[in-house]
Structure formats: C-alpha cells, structure tokens
Amino acid sequence: MLIAGVIAFCVLLLVLAFLAPRLSRHFQRAGDKPLQAGQRAGGLAPGKVGQLLQKPFGKSRKAVSKSGAKGREGRAKAPF
C-alpha cells in the first residue's frame, strides 16, 4: 500500500512540477515530511534492523525528489 501511495504521489508531483514548477516545491516538501518522520523513526531501532527499517523511506524520499526535479527540468526544456 505504501508503494502504491508513493508511486501515485510521484506521478502527481511530476505532472504538477511540469505545469506549475514553483508551486510543486511546496507539495514536494509536504510529501517529504511524513517520509522523513518514518525514516527517522526506523533509525531508532538498534543496529542493522534500524538500517533496514530506514531504507524504504529513504528510497521513497529520493523518488519524490527525483520526480519533482524531472518535472521542473522537463518544463524548463519545453519550447513554450
């Protein structure tokens, strides 16, 4: 369920970043906050378990950031 939510948010952010680049930064930060909290909470577990619990949230944060960046980059390269 988390994976589907992250994918849907990335697609939404990609479209929003292409249509309204300045507005998309606020949505990107809003999507990053819960993932950051989950990553932080996973990191509180001891040892290797903490690293394993952090990883999905870190990868999701990276995907959200890339999605927004690619949408804004596509808008910058568009001829209009």
N, C-alpha and C. Protein backbone atom coordinates (compact mmCIF):
# COMPACT_ATOMS: atom_id res chain seq x y z
N MET A 1 0.83 -1.19 0.00
CA MET A 1 0.00 0.00 0.00
C MET A 1 0.88 1.26 0.00
N LEU A 2 1.94 1.21 0.78
CA LEU A 2 2.85 2.35 0.83
C LEU A 2 3.49 2.59 -0.54
N ILE A 3 3.83 1.50 -1.21
CA ILE A 3 4.48 1.62 -2.51
C ILE A 3 3.54 2.28 -3.51
N ALA A 4 2.29 1.83 -3.52
CA ALA A 4 1.31 2.42 -4.44
C ALA A 4 1.08 3.89 -4.14
N GLY A 5 1.06 4.25 -2.87
CA GLY A 5 0.88 5.65 -2.48
C GLY A 5 2.04 6.51 -2.93
N VAL A 6 3.25 6.00 -2.77
CA VAL A 6 4.44 6.75 -3.18
C VAL A 6 4.47 6.91 -4.70
N ILE A 7 4.12 5.86 -5.42
CA ILE A 7 4.11 5.94 -6.88
C ILE A 7 3.06 6.94 -7.36
N ALA A 8 1.88 6.90 -6.76
CA ALA A 8 0.83 7.85 -7.15
C ALA A 8 1.25 9.28 -6.84
N PHE A 9 1.88 9.49 -5.68
CA PHE A 9 2.33 10.83 -5.33
C PHE A 9 3.43 11.31 -6.27
N CYS A 10 4.31 10.41 -6.67
CA CYS A 10 5.38 10.79 -7.61
C CYS A 10 4.82 11.20 -8.96
N VAL A 11 3.83 10.47 -9.44
CA VAL A 11 3.22 10.81 -10.73
C VAL A 11 2.50 12.16 -10.62
N LEU A 12 1.76 12.35 -9.54
CA LEU A 12 1.08 13.62 -9.32
C LEU A 12 2.07 14.77 -9.23
N LEU A 13 3.16 14.56 -8.52
CA LEU A 13 4.18 15.60 -8.38
C LEU A 13 4.87 15.89 -9.71
N LEU A 14 5.10 14.86 -10.51
CA LEU A 14 5.72 15.04 -11.83
C LEU A 14 4.85 15.93 -12.71
N VAL A 15 3.56 15.65 -12.73
CA VAL A 15 2.64 16.46 -13.54
C VAL A 15 2.55 17.88 -12.99
N LEU A 16 2.44 18.00 -11.69
CA LEU A 16 2.35 19.32 -11.07
C LEU A 16 3.62 20.13 -11.30
N ALA A 17 4.78 19.47 -11.21
CA ALA A 17 6.05 20.17 -11.42
C ALA A 17 6.18 20.65 -12.86
N PHE A 18 5.59 19.91 -13.80
CA PHE A 18 5.63 20.35 -15.19
C PHE A 18 4.69 21.52 -15.43
N LEU A 19 3.52 21.49 -14.79
CA LEU A 19 2.53 22.54 -15.01
C LEU A 19 2.79 23.79 -14.18
N ALA A 20 3.21 23.62 -12.92
CA ALA A 20 3.43 24.76 -12.02
C ALA A 20 4.70 24.52 -11.21
N PRO A 21 5.87 24.82 -11.76
CA PRO A 21 7.14 24.48 -11.11
C PRO A 21 7.32 25.10 -9.72
N ARG A 22 6.91 26.34 -9.55
CA ARG A 22 7.12 26.98 -8.25
C ARG A 22 6.21 26.40 -7.19
N LEU A 23 4.99 26.10 -7.56
CA LEU A 23 4.03 25.53 -6.63
C LEU A 23 4.41 24.10 -6.24
N SER A 24 5.06 23.39 -7.13
CA SER A 24 5.38 21.99 -6.86
C SER A 24 6.38 21.82 -5.73
N ARG A 25 7.19 22.82 -5.48
CA ARG A 25 8.16 22.69 -4.38
C ARG A 25 7.47 22.55 -3.03
N HIS A 26 6.35 23.21 -2.84
CA HIS A 26 5.61 23.10 -1.59
C HIS A 26 5.03 21.69 -1.43
N PHE A 27 4.51 21.14 -2.52
CA PHE A 27 3.96 19.79 -2.48
C PHE A 27 5.07 18.76 -2.28
N GLN A 28 6.23 19.02 -2.84
CA GLN A 28 7.36 18.10 -2.67
C GLN A 28 7.78 18.07 -1.21
N ARG A 29 7.86 19.23 -0.59
CA ARG A 29 8.21 19.27 0.84
C ARG A 29 7.14 18.62 1.70
N ALA A 30 5.87 18.82 1.32
CA ALA A 30 4.77 18.22 2.08
C ALA A 30 4.80 16.69 1.97
N GLY A 31 5.22 16.16 0.86
CA GLY A 31 5.34 14.72 0.71
C GLY A 31 6.57 14.18 1.39
N ASP A 32 7.57 15.02 1.55
CA ASP A 32 8.82 14.60 2.15
C ASP A 32 8.71 14.49 3.68
N LYS A 33 7.86 15.30 4.28
CA LYS A 33 7.76 15.33 5.74
C LYS A 33 7.39 13.98 6.36
N PRO A 34 6.31 13.31 5.91
CA PRO A 34 5.98 12.02 6.53
C PRO A 34 7.03 10.94 6.25
N LEU A 35 7.63 10.99 5.08
CA LEU A 35 8.68 10.02 4.77
C LEU A 35 9.91 10.26 5.64
N GLN A 36 10.20 11.52 5.89
CA GLN A 36 11.33 11.86 6.76
C GLN A 36 11.07 11.37 8.18
N ALA A 37 9.84 11.53 8.66
CA ALA A 37 9.49 11.06 10.01
C ALA A 37 9.59 9.54 10.10
N GLY A 38 9.15 8.85 9.06
CA GLY A 38 9.25 7.40 9.05
C GLY A 38 10.70 6.93 9.02
N GLN A 39 11.51 7.62 8.27
CA GLN A 39 12.93 7.27 8.20
C GLN A 39 13.60 7.50 9.54
N ARG A 40 13.25 8.61 10.17
CA ARG A 40 13.82 8.91 11.48
C ARG A 40 13.40 7.88 12.53
N ALA A 41 12.11 7.49 12.50
CA ALA A 41 11.60 6.51 13.46
C ALA A 41 12.24 5.14 13.23
N GLY A 42 12.44 4.77 11.97
CA GLY A 42 13.09 3.50 11.68
C GLY A 42 14.52 3.47 12.14
N GLY A 43 15.17 4.61 12.11
CA GLY A 43 16.56 4.70 12.52
C GLY A 43 16.76 4.55 14.02
N LEU A 44 15.70 4.63 14.79
CA LEU A 44 15.81 4.49 16.24
C LEU A 44 15.98 3.04 16.66
N ALA A 45 15.67 2.10 15.78
CA ALA A 45 15.86 0.70 16.08
C ALA A 45 17.37 0.41 16.12
N PRO A 46 17.79 -0.50 16.97
CA PRO A 46 19.22 -0.76 17.12
C PRO A 46 19.84 -1.54 15.96
N GLY A 47 21.07 -1.20 15.66
CA GLY A 47 21.90 -1.95 14.73
C GLY A 47 21.40 -2.03 13.30
N LYS A 48 21.57 -3.23 12.72
CA LYS A 48 21.21 -3.46 11.32
C LYS A 48 19.70 -3.35 11.09
N VAL A 49 18.92 -3.66 12.11
CA VAL A 49 17.47 -3.55 11.97
C VAL A 49 17.08 -2.11 11.68
N GLY A 50 17.71 -1.17 12.35
CA GLY A 50 17.44 0.24 12.12
C GLY A 50 17.76 0.65 10.71
N GLN A 51 18.86 0.15 10.18
CA GLN A 51 19.24 0.47 8.81
C GLN A 51 18.24 -0.12 7.81
N LEU A 52 17.77 -1.33 8.09
CA LEU A 52 16.80 -1.97 7.21
C LEU A 52 15.45 -1.26 7.25
N LEU A 53 15.07 -0.75 8.41
CA LEU A 53 13.80 -0.04 8.52
C LEU A 53 13.85 1.35 7.90
N GLN A 54 15.02 1.94 7.85
CA GLN A 54 15.18 3.27 7.26
C GLN A 54 15.16 3.24 5.74
N LYS A 55 15.65 2.15 5.16
CA LYS A 55 15.89 2.09 3.72
C LYS A 55 14.65 2.38 2.85
N PRO A 56 13.48 1.78 3.10
CA PRO A 56 12.35 2.06 2.20
C PRO A 56 11.93 3.53 2.22
N PHE A 57 12.03 4.15 3.38
CA PHE A 57 11.65 5.56 3.47
C PHE A 57 12.67 6.45 2.77
N GLY A 58 13.94 6.11 2.87
CA GLY A 58 14.98 6.87 2.18
C GLY A 58 14.84 6.77 0.67
N LYS A 59 14.56 5.55 0.18
CA LYS A 59 14.38 5.36 -1.26
C LYS A 59 13.14 6.12 -1.76
N SER A 60 12.08 6.12 -0.95
CA SER A 60 10.87 6.85 -1.33
C SER A 60 11.11 8.35 -1.37
N ARG A 61 11.87 8.87 -0.40
CA ARG A 61 12.20 10.31 -0.40
C ARG A 61 13.00 10.67 -1.64
N LYS A 62 13.92 9.78 -2.01
CA LYS A 62 14.74 10.02 -3.20
C LYS A 62 13.86 10.03 -4.45
N ALA A 63 12.90 9.11 -4.52
CA ALA A 63 12.00 9.04 -5.68
C ALA A 63 11.14 10.29 -5.78
N VAL A 64 10.64 10.80 -4.65
CA VAL A 64 9.81 12.01 -4.65
C VAL A 64 10.65 13.20 -5.11
N SER A 65 11.86 13.30 -4.64
CA SER A 65 12.73 14.40 -5.05
C SER A 65 13.06 14.34 -6.54
N LYS A 66 13.37 13.14 -7.03
CA LYS A 66 13.68 12.99 -8.45
C LYS A 66 12.48 13.31 -9.33
N SER A 67 11.31 12.91 -8.88
CA SER A 67 10.10 13.15 -9.66
C SER A 67 9.84 14.64 -9.82
N GLY A 68 9.96 15.38 -8.74
CA GLY A 68 9.77 16.82 -8.82
C GLY A 68 10.83 17.49 -9.66
N ALA A 69 12.06 17.05 -9.52
CA ALA A 69 13.16 17.64 -10.28
C ALA A 69 13.01 17.38 -11.78
N LYS A 70 12.61 16.17 -12.13
CA LYS A 70 12.44 15.84 -13.55
C LYS A 70 11.28 16.61 -14.16
N GLY A 71 10.22 16.82 -13.42
CA GLY A 71 9.10 17.60 -13.93
C GLY A 71 9.50 19.05 -14.19
N ARG A 72 10.24 19.63 -13.25
CA ARG A 72 10.70 21.01 -13.44
C ARG A 72 11.73 21.10 -14.57
N GLU A 73 12.56 20.08 -14.69
CA GLU A 73 13.55 20.06 -15.78
C GLU A 73 12.85 19.94 -17.13
N GLY A 74 11.83 19.12 -17.20
CA GLY A 74 11.07 18.98 -18.45
C GLY A 74 10.38 20.28 -18.82
N ARG A 75 9.89 20.99 -17.84
CA ARG A 75 9.24 22.28 -18.10
C ARG A 75 10.26 23.29 -18.63
N ALA A 76 11.47 23.26 -18.06
CA ALA A 76 12.50 24.20 -18.50
C ALA A 76 12.92 23.93 -19.94
N LYS A 77 12.86 22.67 -20.37
CA LYS A 77 13.27 22.32 -21.73
C LYS A 77 12.13 22.45 -22.74
N ALA A 78 10.92 22.64 -22.26
CA ALA A 78 9.76 22.73 -23.16
C ALA A 78 9.87 24.00 -24.02
N PRO A 79 9.41 23.93 -25.26
CA PRO A 79 9.53 25.09 -26.15
C PRO A 79 8.55 26.22 -25.86
N PHE A 80 7.58 26.02 -24.96
CA PHE A 80 6.61 27.07 -24.68
C PHE A 80 6.85 27.73 -23.36
